[in-house]
Full PDB file with SEQRES, HELIX, SHEET, SSBOND, CRYST1, ORIGX, SCALE, CONECT and MASTER records, all heavy atoms in Angstrom:
SEQRES   1 A   41  LEU THR ASP SER GLY LYS ALA ILE ALA GLN LYS VAL LEU          
SEQRES   2 A   41  ASP LYS HIS HIS ARG ILE THR GLY TRP LEU LEU LYS ALA          
SEQRES   3 A   41  GLY VAL ALA ARG ASP LYS ALA GLU LYS GLU ALA CYS ARG          
SEQRES   4 A   41  MET GLU                                                      
HELIX    1 AA1 ASP A    3  LYS A   25  1                                  23    
HELIX    2 AA2 ARG A   30  MET A   40  1                                  11    
CRYST1    1.000    1.000    1.000  90.00  90.00  90.00 P 1           1          
ORIGX1      1.000000  0.000000  0.000000        0.00000                         
ORIGX2      0.000000  1.000000  0.000000        0.00000                         
ORIGX3      0.000000  0.000000  1.000000        0.00000                         
SCALE1      1.000000  0.000000  0.000000        0.00000                         
SCALE2      0.000000  1.000000  0.000000        0.00000                         
SCALE3      0.000000  0.000000  1.000000        0.00000                         
ATOM      1  N   LEU A   1       0.837  -1.196   0.000  1.00  0.00           N  
ATOM      2  CA  LEU A   1       0.000   0.000   0.000  1.00  0.00           C  
ATOM      3  C   LEU A   1       0.872   1.245   0.000  1.00  0.00           C  
ATOM      4  O   LEU A   1       1.904   1.285   0.677  1.00  0.00           O  
ATOM      5  CB  LEU A   1      -0.885   0.025   1.257  1.00  0.00           C  
ATOM      6  CG  LEU A   1      -1.942  -1.059   1.378  1.00  0.00           C  
ATOM      7  CD1 LEU A   1      -2.514  -1.075   2.793  1.00  0.00           C  
ATOM      8  CD2 LEU A   1      -3.041  -0.847   0.362  1.00  0.00           C  
ATOM      9  N   THR A   2       0.456   2.251  -0.736  1.00  0.00           N  
ATOM     10  CA  THR A   2       1.103   3.554  -0.620  1.00  0.00           C  
ATOM     11  C   THR A   2       0.533   4.216   0.640  1.00  0.00           C  
ATOM     12  O   THR A   2      -0.412   3.700   1.251  1.00  0.00           O  
ATOM     13  CB  THR A   2       0.804   4.437  -1.844  1.00  0.00           C  
ATOM     14  OG1 THR A   2      -0.613   4.681  -1.883  1.00  0.00           O  
ATOM     15  CG2 THR A   2       1.288   3.792  -3.134  1.00  0.00           C  
ATOM     16  N   ASP A   3       1.064   5.346   1.004  1.00  0.00           N  
ATOM     17  CA  ASP A   3       0.527   6.063   2.166  1.00  0.00           C  
ATOM     18  C   ASP A   3      -0.950   6.406   1.961  1.00  0.00           C  
ATOM     19  O   ASP A   3      -1.757   6.266   2.884  1.00  0.00           O  
ATOM     20  CB  ASP A   3       1.327   7.343   2.442  1.00  0.00           C  
ATOM     21  CG  ASP A   3       2.720   7.052   2.989  1.00  0.00           C  
ATOM     22  OD1 ASP A   3       2.951   5.926   3.490  1.00  0.00           O  
ATOM     23  OD2 ASP A   3       3.584   7.953   2.913  1.00  0.00           O  
ATOM     24  N   SER A   4      -1.300   6.821   0.751  1.00  0.00           N  
ATOM     25  CA  SER A   4      -2.706   7.149   0.454  1.00  0.00           C  
ATOM     26  C   SER A   4      -3.588   5.910   0.540  1.00  0.00           C  
ATOM     27  O   SER A   4      -4.689   5.948   1.091  1.00  0.00           O  
ATOM     28  CB  SER A   4      -2.841   7.744  -0.951  1.00  0.00           C  
ATOM     29  OG  SER A   4      -2.134   8.944  -1.052  1.00  0.00           O  
ATOM     30  N   GLY A   5      -3.112   4.804  -0.018  1.00  0.00           N  
ATOM     31  CA  GLY A   5      -3.867   3.558   0.034  1.00  0.00           C  
ATOM     32  C   GLY A   5      -4.039   3.062   1.452  1.00  0.00           C  
ATOM     33  O   GLY A   5      -5.111   2.593   1.843  1.00  0.00           O  
ATOM     34  N   LYS A   6      -2.984   3.195   2.235  1.00  0.00           N  
ATOM     35  CA  LYS A   6      -3.043   2.761   3.638  1.00  0.00           C  
ATOM     36  C   LYS A   6      -4.038   3.610   4.429  1.00  0.00           C  
ATOM     37  O   LYS A   6      -4.792   3.094   5.255  1.00  0.00           O  
ATOM     38  CB  LYS A   6      -1.659   2.826   4.271  1.00  0.00           C  
ATOM     39  CG  LYS A   6      -1.587   2.215   5.642  1.00  0.00           C  
ATOM     40  CD  LYS A   6      -0.159   2.187   6.157  1.00  0.00           C  
ATOM     41  CE  LYS A   6      -0.101   1.565   7.526  1.00  0.00           C  
ATOM     42  NZ  LYS A   6       1.275   1.492   8.038  1.00  0.00           N  
ATOM     43  N   ALA A   7      -4.065   4.905   4.161  1.00  0.00           N  
ATOM     44  CA  ALA A   7      -4.991   5.797   4.871  1.00  0.00           C  
ATOM     45  C   ALA A   7      -6.445   5.426   4.569  1.00  0.00           C  
ATOM     46  O   ALA A   7      -7.285   5.367   5.477  1.00  0.00           O  
ATOM     47  CB  ALA A   7      -4.725   7.252   4.494  1.00  0.00           C  
ATOM     48  N   ILE A   8      -6.736   5.159   3.309  1.00  0.00           N  
ATOM     49  CA  ILE A   8      -8.103   4.768   2.936  1.00  0.00           C  
ATOM     50  C   ILE A   8      -8.448   3.421   3.562  1.00  0.00           C  
ATOM     51  O   ILE A   8      -9.519   3.246   4.139  1.00  0.00           O  
ATOM     52  CB  ILE A   8      -8.265   4.717   1.404  1.00  0.00           C  
ATOM     53  CG1 ILE A   8      -8.170   6.126   0.821  1.00  0.00           C  
ATOM     54  CG2 ILE A   8      -9.593   4.065   1.028  1.00  0.00           C  
ATOM     55  CD1 ILE A   8      -8.057   6.163  -0.699  1.00  0.00           C  
ATOM     56  N   ALA A   9      -7.533   2.463   3.457  1.00  0.00           N  
ATOM     57  CA  ALA A   9      -7.778   1.124   4.006  1.00  0.00           C  
ATOM     58  C   ALA A   9      -8.013   1.189   5.510  1.00  0.00           C  
ATOM     59  O   ALA A   9      -8.915   0.536   6.036  1.00  0.00           O  
ATOM     60  CB  ALA A   9      -6.598   0.213   3.693  1.00  0.00           C  
ATOM     61  N   GLN A  10      -7.216   1.983   6.200  1.00  0.00           N  
ATOM     62  CA  GLN A  10      -7.356   2.092   7.661  1.00  0.00           C  
ATOM     63  C   GLN A  10      -8.687   2.720   8.041  1.00  0.00           C  
ATOM     64  O   GLN A  10      -9.338   2.284   8.988  1.00  0.00           O  
ATOM     65  CB  GLN A  10      -6.200   2.901   8.254  1.00  0.00           C  
ATOM     66  CG  GLN A  10      -6.144   2.835   9.759  1.00  0.00           C  
ATOM     67  CD  GLN A  10      -5.920   1.419  10.264  1.00  0.00           C  
ATOM     68  OE1 GLN A  10      -4.918   0.785   9.933  1.00  0.00           O  
ATOM     69  NE2 GLN A  10      -6.846   0.911  11.049  1.00  0.00           N  
ATOM     70  N   LYS A  11      -9.104   3.701   7.267  1.00  0.00           N  
ATOM     71  CA  LYS A  11     -10.384   4.357   7.513  1.00  0.00           C  
ATOM     72  C   LYS A  11     -11.544   3.370   7.345  1.00  0.00           C  
ATOM     73  O   LYS A  11     -12.454   3.309   8.179  1.00  0.00           O  
ATOM     74  CB  LYS A  11     -10.536   5.540   6.554  1.00  0.00           C  
ATOM     75  CG  LYS A  11     -11.725   6.401   6.780  1.00  0.00           C  
ATOM     76  CD  LYS A  11     -11.618   7.571   5.802  1.00  0.00           C  
ATOM     77  CE  LYS A  11     -12.797   8.443   5.825  1.00  0.00           C  
ATOM     78  NZ  LYS A  11     -12.679   9.541   4.880  1.00  0.00           N  
ATOM     79  N   VAL A  12     -11.496   2.580   6.288  1.00  0.00           N  
ATOM     80  CA  VAL A  12     -12.543   1.580   6.032  1.00  0.00           C  
ATOM     81  C   VAL A  12     -12.525   0.515   7.129  1.00  0.00           C  
ATOM     82  O   VAL A  12     -13.577   0.120   7.649  1.00  0.00           O  
ATOM     83  CB  VAL A  12     -12.379   0.941   4.634  1.00  0.00           C  
ATOM     84  CG1 VAL A  12     -13.363  -0.206   4.436  1.00  0.00           C  
ATOM     85  CG2 VAL A  12     -12.555   1.977   3.542  1.00  0.00           C  
ATOM     86  N   LEU A  13     -11.341   0.064   7.503  1.00  0.00           N  
ATOM     87  CA  LEU A  13     -11.225  -0.958   8.540  1.00  0.00           C  
ATOM     88  C   LEU A  13     -11.720  -0.437   9.889  1.00  0.00           C  
ATOM     89  O   LEU A  13     -12.410  -1.159  10.630  1.00  0.00           O  
ATOM     90  CB  LEU A  13      -9.781  -1.448   8.646  1.00  0.00           C  
ATOM     91  CG  LEU A  13      -9.518  -2.632   9.564  1.00  0.00           C  
ATOM     92  CD1 LEU A  13     -10.327  -3.857   9.131  1.00  0.00           C  
ATOM     93  CD2 LEU A  13      -8.028  -2.955   9.608  1.00  0.00           C  
ATOM     94  N   ASP A  14     -11.407   0.804  10.204  1.00  0.00           N  
ATOM     95  CA  ASP A  14     -11.896   1.408  11.454  1.00  0.00           C  
ATOM     96  C   ASP A  14     -13.423   1.471  11.461  1.00  0.00           C  
ATOM     97  O   ASP A  14     -14.061   1.138  12.460  1.00  0.00           O  
ATOM     98  CB  ASP A  14     -11.326   2.815  11.648  1.00  0.00           C  
ATOM     99  CG  ASP A  14      -9.848   2.818  11.983  1.00  0.00           C  
ATOM    100  OD1 ASP A  14      -9.300   1.753  12.348  1.00  0.00           O  
ATOM    101  OD2 ASP A  14      -9.229   3.894  11.867  1.00  0.00           O  
ATOM    102  N   LYS A  15     -14.005   1.893  10.337  1.00  0.00           N  
ATOM    103  CA  LYS A  15     -15.467   1.918  10.233  1.00  0.00           C  
ATOM    104  C   LYS A  15     -16.029   0.516  10.456  1.00  0.00           C  
ATOM    105  O   LYS A  15     -17.002   0.339  11.184  1.00  0.00           O  
ATOM    106  CB  LYS A  15     -15.925   2.433   8.864  1.00  0.00           C  
ATOM    107  CG  LYS A  15     -15.911   3.917   8.701  1.00  0.00           C  
ATOM    108  CD  LYS A  15     -16.482   4.277   7.326  1.00  0.00           C  
ATOM    109  CE  LYS A  15     -16.554   5.771   7.108  1.00  0.00           C  
ATOM    110  NZ  LYS A  15     -17.137   6.113   5.791  1.00  0.00           N  
ATOM    111  N   HIS A  16     -15.408  -0.459   9.817  1.00  0.00           N  
ATOM    112  CA  HIS A  16     -15.873  -1.840   9.932  1.00  0.00           C  
ATOM    113  C   HIS A  16     -15.879  -2.292  11.394  1.00  0.00           C  
ATOM    114  O   HIS A  16     -16.872  -2.844  11.876  1.00  0.00           O  
ATOM    115  CB  HIS A  16     -15.002  -2.776   9.097  1.00  0.00           C  
ATOM    116  CG  HIS A  16     -15.413  -4.204   9.183  1.00  0.00           C  
ATOM    117  ND1 HIS A  16     -16.396  -4.730   8.390  1.00  0.00           N  
ATOM    118  CD2 HIS A  16     -15.010  -5.201  10.004  1.00  0.00           C  
ATOM    119  CE1 HIS A  16     -16.569  -6.001   8.704  1.00  0.00           C  
ATOM    120  NE2 HIS A  16     -15.735  -6.303   9.683  1.00  0.00           N  
ATOM    121  N   HIS A  17     -14.768  -2.062  12.088  1.00  0.00           N  
ATOM    122  CA  HIS A  17     -14.671  -2.493  13.482  1.00  0.00           C  
ATOM    123  C   HIS A  17     -15.705  -1.797  14.369  1.00  0.00           C  
ATOM    124  O   HIS A  17     -16.353  -2.433  15.201  1.00  0.00           O  
ATOM    125  CB  HIS A  17     -13.266  -2.247  14.026  1.00  0.00           C  
ATOM    126  CG  HIS A  17     -12.233  -3.181  13.488  1.00  0.00           C  
ATOM    127  ND1 HIS A  17     -12.387  -4.545  13.420  1.00  0.00           N  
ATOM    128  CD2 HIS A  17     -11.006  -2.933  12.973  1.00  0.00           C  
ATOM    129  CE1 HIS A  17     -11.316  -5.101  12.906  1.00  0.00           C  
ATOM    130  NE2 HIS A  17     -10.455  -4.140  12.610  1.00  0.00           N  
ATOM    131  N   ARG A  18     -15.850  -0.497  14.191  1.00  0.00           N  
ATOM    132  CA  ARG A  18     -16.800   0.245  15.029  1.00  0.00           C  
ATOM    133  C   ARG A  18     -18.247  -0.175  14.745  1.00  0.00           C  
ATOM    134  O   ARG A  18     -19.030  -0.385  15.671  1.00  0.00           O  
ATOM    135  CB  ARG A  18     -16.628   1.734  14.837  1.00  0.00           C  
ATOM    136  CG  ARG A  18     -15.322   2.234  15.415  1.00  0.00           C  
ATOM    137  CD  ARG A  18     -15.271   3.741  15.454  1.00  0.00           C  
ATOM    138  NE  ARG A  18     -13.944   4.214  15.711  1.00  0.00           N  
ATOM    139  CZ  ARG A  18     -13.388   4.266  16.919  1.00  0.00           C  
ATOM    140  NH1 ARG A  18     -14.056   3.866  17.956  1.00  0.00           N  
ATOM    141  NH2 ARG A  18     -12.163   4.725  17.069  1.00  0.00           N  
ATOM    142  N   ILE A  19     -18.595  -0.275  13.466  1.00  0.00           N  
ATOM    143  CA  ILE A  19     -19.970  -0.660  13.119  1.00  0.00           C  
ATOM    144  C   ILE A  19     -20.255  -2.076  13.613  1.00  0.00           C  
ATOM    145  O   ILE A  19     -21.331  -2.346  14.158  1.00  0.00           O  
ATOM    146  CB  ILE A  19     -20.215  -0.522  11.600  1.00  0.00           C  
ATOM    147  CG1 ILE A  19     -20.173   0.956  11.195  1.00  0.00           C  
ATOM    148  CG2 ILE A  19     -21.556  -1.146  11.216  1.00  0.00           C  
ATOM    149  CD1 ILE A  19     -20.121   1.199   9.692  1.00  0.00           C  
ATOM    150  N   THR A  20     -19.297  -2.981  13.452  1.00  0.00           N  
ATOM    151  CA  THR A  20     -19.478  -4.340  13.963  1.00  0.00           C  
ATOM    152  C   THR A  20     -19.727  -4.302  15.471  1.00  0.00           C  
ATOM    153  O   THR A  20     -20.635  -4.969  15.975  1.00  0.00           O  
ATOM    154  CB  THR A  20     -18.242  -5.217  13.657  1.00  0.00           C  
ATOM    155  OG1 THR A  20     -18.053  -5.282  12.244  1.00  0.00           O  
ATOM    156  CG2 THR A  20     -18.407  -6.621  14.206  1.00  0.00           C  
ATOM    157  N   GLY A  21     -18.944  -3.508  16.169  1.00  0.00           N  
ATOM    158  CA  GLY A  21     -19.114  -3.381  17.624  1.00  0.00           C  
ATOM    159  C   GLY A  21     -20.489  -2.860  17.998  1.00  0.00           C  
ATOM    160  O   GLY A  21     -21.125  -3.368  18.939  1.00  0.00           O  
ATOM    161  N   TRP A  22     -20.952  -1.858  17.288  1.00  0.00           N  
ATOM    162  CA  TRP A  22     -22.281  -1.311  17.572  1.00  0.00           C  
ATOM    163  C   TRP A  22     -23.354  -2.367  17.349  1.00  0.00           C  
ATOM    164  O   TRP A  22     -24.280  -2.501  18.149  1.00  0.00           O  
ATOM    165  CB  TRP A  22     -22.574  -0.099  16.699  1.00  0.00           C  
ATOM    166  CG  TRP A  22     -21.640   1.056  16.883  1.00  0.00           C  
ATOM    167  CD1 TRP A  22     -20.874   1.346  17.985  1.00  0.00           C  
ATOM    168  CD2 TRP A  22     -21.346   2.082  15.929  1.00  0.00           C  
ATOM    169  NE1 TRP A  22     -20.136   2.485  17.771  1.00  0.00           N  
ATOM    170  CE2 TRP A  22     -20.407   2.951  16.517  1.00  0.00           C  
ATOM    171  CE3 TRP A  22     -21.783   2.331  14.641  1.00  0.00           C  
ATOM    172  CZ2 TRP A  22     -19.910   4.072  15.861  1.00  0.00           C  
ATOM    173  CZ3 TRP A  22     -21.286   3.446  13.985  1.00  0.00           C  
ATOM    174  CH2 TRP A  22     -20.365   4.308  14.587  1.00  0.00           C  
ATOM    175  N   LEU A  23     -23.239  -3.096  16.251  1.00  0.00           N  
ATOM    176  CA  LEU A  23     -24.239  -4.123  15.949  1.00  0.00           C  
ATOM    177  C   LEU A  23     -24.212  -5.243  16.990  1.00  0.00           C  
ATOM    178  O   LEU A  23     -25.265  -5.740  17.410  1.00  0.00           O  
ATOM    179  CB  LEU A  23     -24.023  -4.678  14.543  1.00  0.00           C  
ATOM    180  CG  LEU A  23     -24.261  -3.682  13.402  1.00  0.00           C  
ATOM    181  CD1 LEU A  23     -23.837  -4.284  12.061  1.00  0.00           C  
ATOM    182  CD2 LEU A  23     -25.707  -3.236  13.355  1.00  0.00           C  
ATOM    183  N   LEU A  24     -23.019  -5.622  17.418  1.00  0.00           N  
ATOM    184  CA  LEU A  24     -22.912  -6.654  18.457  1.00  0.00           C  
ATOM    185  C   LEU A  24     -23.540  -6.180  19.766  1.00  0.00           C  
ATOM    186  O   LEU A  24     -24.263  -6.937  20.423  1.00  0.00           O  
ATOM    187  CB  LEU A  24     -21.450  -7.049  18.677  1.00  0.00           C  
ATOM    188  CG  LEU A  24     -20.790  -7.829  17.541  1.00  0.00           C  
ATOM    189  CD1 LEU A  24     -19.297  -7.972  17.793  1.00  0.00           C  
ATOM    190  CD2 LEU A  24     -21.444  -9.195  17.382  1.00  0.00           C  
ATOM    191  N   LYS A  25     -23.272  -4.932  20.141  1.00  0.00           N  
ATOM    192  CA  LYS A  25     -23.870  -4.369  21.362  1.00  0.00           C  
ATOM    193  C   LYS A  25     -25.385  -4.317  21.266  1.00  0.00           C  
ATOM    194  O   LYS A  25     -26.078  -4.417  22.273  1.00  0.00           O  
ATOM    195  CB  LYS A  25     -23.320  -2.976  21.639  1.00  0.00           C  
ATOM    196  CG  LYS A  25     -21.948  -2.963  22.232  1.00  0.00           C  
ATOM    197  CD  LYS A  25     -21.526  -1.545  22.566  1.00  0.00           C  
ATOM    198  CE  LYS A  25     -20.158  -1.530  23.189  1.00  0.00           C  
ATOM    199  NZ  LYS A  25     -19.746  -0.165  23.549  1.00  0.00           N  
ATOM    200  N   ALA A  26     -25.892  -4.153  20.052  1.00  0.00           N  
ATOM    201  CA  ALA A  26     -27.336  -4.090  19.853  1.00  0.00           C  
ATOM    202  C   ALA A  26     -27.966  -5.490  19.841  1.00  0.00           C  
ATOM    203  O   ALA A  26     -29.182  -5.620  19.738  1.00  0.00           O  
ATOM    204  CB  ALA A  26     -27.660  -3.368  18.544  1.00  0.00           C  
ATOM    205  N   GLY A  27     -27.130  -6.535  19.931  1.00  0.00           N  
ATOM    206  CA  GLY A  27     -27.652  -7.887  20.004  1.00  0.00           C  
ATOM    207  C   GLY A  27     -27.671  -8.650  18.696  1.00  0.00           C  
ATOM    208  O   GLY A  27     -28.232  -9.735  18.618  1.00  0.00           O  
ATOM    209  N   VAL A  28     -27.034  -8.114  17.675  1.00  0.00           N  
ATOM    210  CA  VAL A  28     -26.974  -8.808  16.380  1.00  0.00           C  
ATOM    211  C   VAL A  28     -25.931  -9.928  16.485  1.00  0.00           C  
ATOM    212  O   VAL A  28     -24.868  -9.738  17.074  1.00  0.00           O  
ATOM    213  CB  VAL A  28     -26.592  -7.819  15.248  1.00  0.00           C  
ATOM    214  CG1 VAL A  28     -26.438  -8.521  13.921  1.00  0.00           C  
ATOM    215  CG2 VAL A  28     -27.616  -6.692  15.158  1.00  0.00           C  
ATOM    216  N   ALA A  29     -26.245 -11.083  15.932  1.00  0.00           N  
ATOM    217  CA  ALA A  29     -25.314 -12.217  15.930  1.00  0.00           C  
ATOM    218  C   ALA A  29     -24.025 -11.831  15.207  1.00  0.00           C  
ATOM    219  O   ALA A  29     -24.050 -11.066  14.242  1.00  0.00           O  
ATOM    220  CB  ALA A  29     -25.960 -13.428  15.256  1.00  0.00           C  
ATOM    221  N   ARG A  30     -22.887 -12.386  15.667  1.00  0.00           N  
ATOM    222  CA  ARG A  30     -21.573 -11.997  15.135  1.00  0.00           C  
ATOM    223  C   ARG A  30     -21.484 -12.144  13.617  1.00  0.00           C  
ATOM    224  O   ARG A  30     -21.029 -11.223  12.936  1.00  0.00           O  
ATOM    225  CB  ARG A  30     -20.444 -12.791  15.788  1.00  0.00           C  
ATOM    226  CG  ARG A  30     -19.089 -12.421  15.180  1.00  0.00           C  
ATOM    227  CD  ARG A  30     -17.915 -12.825  15.999  1.00  0.00           C  
ATOM    228  NE  ARG A  30     -17.793 -12.134  17.253  1.00  0.00           N  
ATOM    229  CZ  ARG A  30     -17.275 -10.902  17.408  1.00  0.00           C  
ATOM    230  NH1 ARG A  30     -16.874 -10.223  16.363  1.00  0.00           N  
ATOM    231  NH2 ARG A  30     -17.174 -10.352  18.596  1.00  0.00           N  
ATOM    232  N   ASP A  31     -21.873 -13.281  13.060  1.00  0.00           N  
ATOM    233  CA  ASP A  31     -21.789 -13.472  11.604  1.00  0.00           C  
ATOM    234  C   ASP A  31     -22.564 -12.397  10.854  1.00  0.00           C  
ATOM    235  O   ASP A  31     -22.066 -11.816   9.887  1.00  0.00           O  
ATOM    236  CB  ASP A  31     -22.335 -14.847  11.201  1.00  0.00           C  
ATOM    237  CG  ASP A  31     -21.274 -15.921  11.196  1.00  0.00           C  
ATOM    238  OD1 ASP A  31     -20.118 -15.628  11.547  1.00  0.00           O  
ATOM    239  OD2 ASP A  31     -21.609 -17.060  10.819  1.00  0.00           O  
ATOM    240  N   LYS A  32     -23.776 -12.151  11.302  1.00  0.00           N  
ATOM    241  CA  LYS A  32     -24.622 -11.154  10.652  1.00  0.00           C  
ATOM    242  C   LYS A  32     -24.029  -9.757  10.839  1.00  0.00           C  
ATOM    243  O   LYS A  32     -24.017  -8.946   9.905  1.00  0.00           O  
ATOM    244  CB  LYS A  32     -26.035 -11.215  11.219  1.00  0.00           C  
ATOM    245  CG  LYS A  32     -27.026 -10.353  10.485  1.00  0.00           C  
ATOM    246  CD  LYS A  32     -28.438 -10.584  11.013  1.00  0.00           C  
ATOM    247  CE  LYS A  32     -29.448  -9.806  10.196  1.00  0.00           C  
ATOM    248  NZ  LYS A  32     -30.821 -10.045  10.673  1.00  0.00           N  
ATOM    249  N   ALA A  33     -23.522  -9.466  12.030  1.00  0.00           N  
ATOM    250  CA  ALA A  33     -22.922  -8.154  12.299  1.00  0.00           C  
ATOM    251  C   ALA A  33     -21.731  -7.912  11.379  1.00  0.00           C  
ATOM    252  O   ALA A  33     -21.581  -6.820  10.822  1.00  0.00           O  
ATOM    253  CB  ALA A  33     -22.504  -8.051  13.763  1.00  0.00           C  
ATOM    254  N   GLU A  34     -20.871  -8.917  11.208  1.00  0.00           N  
ATOM    255  CA  GLU A  34     -19.696  -8.785  10.340  1.00  0.00           C  
ATOM    256  C   GLU A  34     -20.107  -8.533   8.892  1.00  0.00           C  
ATOM    257  O   GLU A  34     -19.567  -7.644   8.236  1.00  0.00           O  
ATOM    258  CB  GLU A  34     -18.833 -10.051  10.412  1.00  0.00           C  
ATOM    259  CG  GLU A  34     -18.069 -10.201  11.693  1.00  0.00           C  
ATOM    260  CD  GLU A  34     -16.856  -9.307  11.797  1.00  0.00           C  
ATOM    261  OE1 GLU A  34     -16.421  -8.718  10.785  1.00  0.00           O  
ATOM    262  OE2 GLU A  34     -16.329  -9.182  12.910  1.00  0.00           O  
ATOM    263  N   LYS A  35     -21.065  -9.316   8.396  1.00  0.00           N  
ATOM    264  CA  LYS A  35     -21.503  -9.167   7.010  1.00  0.00           C  
ATOM    265  C   LYS A  35     -22.163  -7.811   6.772  1.00  0.00           C  
ATOM    266  O   LYS A  35     -21.910  -7.155   5.760  1.00  0.00           O  
ATOM    267  CB  LYS A  35     -22.479 -10.291   6.636  1.00  0.00           C  
ATOM    268  CG  LYS A  35     -21.804 -11.621   6.450  1.00  0.00           C  
ATOM    269  CD  LYS A  35     -22.806 -12.713   6.157  1.00  0.00           C  
ATOM    270  CE  LYS A  35     -22.116 -14.061   6.122  1.00  0.00           C  
ATOM    271  NZ  LYS A  35     -23.068 -15.160   6.064  1.00  0.00           N  
ATOM    272  N   GLU A  36     -23.012  -7.395   7.700  1.00  0.00           N  
ATOM    273  CA  GLU A  36     -23.711  -6.118   7.522  1.00  0.00           C  
ATOM    274  C   GLU A  36     -22.762  -4.942   7.698  1.00  0.00           C  
ATOM    275  O   GLU A  36     -22.877  -3.938   6.989  1.00  0.00           O  
ATOM    276  CB  GLU A  36     -24.918  -6.051   8.443  1.00  0.00           C  
ATOM    277  CG  GLU A  36     -25.984  -7.042   8.010  1.00  0.00           C  
ATOM    278  CD  GLU A  36     -27.286  -6.959   8.787  1.00  0.00           C  
ATOM    279  OE1 GLU A  36     -27.396  -6.154   9.725  1.00  0.00           O  
ATOM    280  OE2 GLU A  36     -28.198  -7.722   8.424  1.00  0.00           O  
ATOM    281  N   ALA A  37     -21.813  -5.047   8.611  1.00  0.00           N  
ATOM    282  CA  ALA A  37     -20.824  -3.980   8.777  1.00  0.00           C  
ATOM    283  C   ALA A  37     -19.995  -3.825   7.512  1.00  0.00           C  
ATOM    284  O   ALA A  37     -19.660  -2.701   7.116  1.00  0.00           O  
ATOM    285  CB  ALA A  37     -19.922  -4.275   9.975  1.00  0.00           C  
ATOM    286  N   CYS A  38     -19.702  -4.934   6.846  1.00  0.00           N  
ATOM    287  CA  CYS A  38     -18.926  -4.892   5.606  1.00  0.00           C  
ATOM    288  C   CYS A  38     -19.666  -4.109   4.531  1.00  0.00           C  
ATOM    289  O   CYS A  38     -19.045  -3.406   3.742  1.00  0.00           O  
ATOM    290  CB  CYS A  38     -18.617  -6.309   5.131  1.00  0.00           C  
ATOM    291  SG  CYS A  38     -17.346  -6.353   3.867  1.00  0.00           S  
ATOM    292  N   ARG A  39     -20.959  -4.202   4.511  1.00  0.00           N  
ATOM    293  CA  ARG A  39     -21.747  -3.433   3.534  1.00  0.00           C  
ATOM    294  C   ARG A  39     -21.892  -1.982   3.977  1.00  0.00           C  
ATOM    295  O   ARG A  39     -21.795  -1.058   3.174  1.00  0.00           O  
ATOM    296  CB  ARG A  39     -23.106  -4.085   3.355  1.00  0.00           C  
ATOM    297  CG  ARG A  39     -22.986  -5.461   2.682  1.00  0.00           C  
ATOM    298  CD  ARG A  39     -24.274  -6.199   2.559  1.00  0.00           C  
ATOM    299  NE  ARG A  39     -25.187  -5.470   1.699  1.00  0.00           N  
ATOM    300  CZ  ARG A  39     -26.502  -5.610   1.741  1.00  0.00           C  
ATOM    301  NH1 ARG A  39     -27.060  -6.428   2.590  1.00  0.00           N  
ATOM    302  NH2 ARG A  39     -27.267  -4.923   0.928  1.00  0.00           N  
ATOM    303  N   MET A  40     -22.140  -1.774   5.269  1.00  0.00           N  
ATOM    304  CA  MET A  40     -22.394  -0.427   5.780  1.00  0.00           C  
ATOM    305  C   MET A  40     -21.153   0.462   5.735  1.00  0.00           C  
ATOM    306  O   MET A  40     -21.265   1.672   5.538  1.00  0.00           O  
ATOM    307  CB  MET A  40     -22.927  -0.517   7.217  1.00  0.00           C  
ATOM    308  CG  MET A  40     -24.296  -1.172   7.310  1.00  0.00           C  
ATOM    309  SD  MET A  40     -24.760  -1.627   9.002  1.00  0.00           S  
ATOM    310  CE  MET A  40     -25.045   0.004   9.699  1.00  0.00           C  
ATOM    311  N   GLU A  41     -19.981  -0.122   5.913  1.00  0.00           N  
ATOM    312  CA  GLU A  41     -18.748   0.666   5.956  1.00  0.00           C  
ATOM    313  C   GLU A  41     -18.526   1.458   4.678  1.00  0.00           C  
ATOM    314  O   GLU A  41     -17.843   2.475   4.680  1.00  0.00           O  
ATOM    315  CB  GLU A  41     -17.550  -0.243   6.230  1.00  0.00           C  
ATOM    316  CG  GLU A  41     -17.186  -1.140   5.076  1.00  0.00           C  
ATOM    317  CD  GLU A  41     -16.298  -2.308   5.438  1.00  0.00           C  
ATOM    318  OE1 GLU A  41     -16.269  -2.721   6.604  1.00  0.00           O  
ATOM    319  OE2 GLU A  41     -15.628  -2.814   4.521  1.00  0.00           O  
TER     320      GLU A  41                                                      
MASTER        0    0    0    2    0    0    0    6  319    1    0    4          
END                                                                             
């Protein structure tokens, strides 16, 4: 990754982790939370 590519990738990955966490806290099953976070990010 270039610095620009790494910055974009990190931003997407951070969104993914946070959204997954929110969905898990809301009671969504882990598999479903991961898949939906991947779309929402």
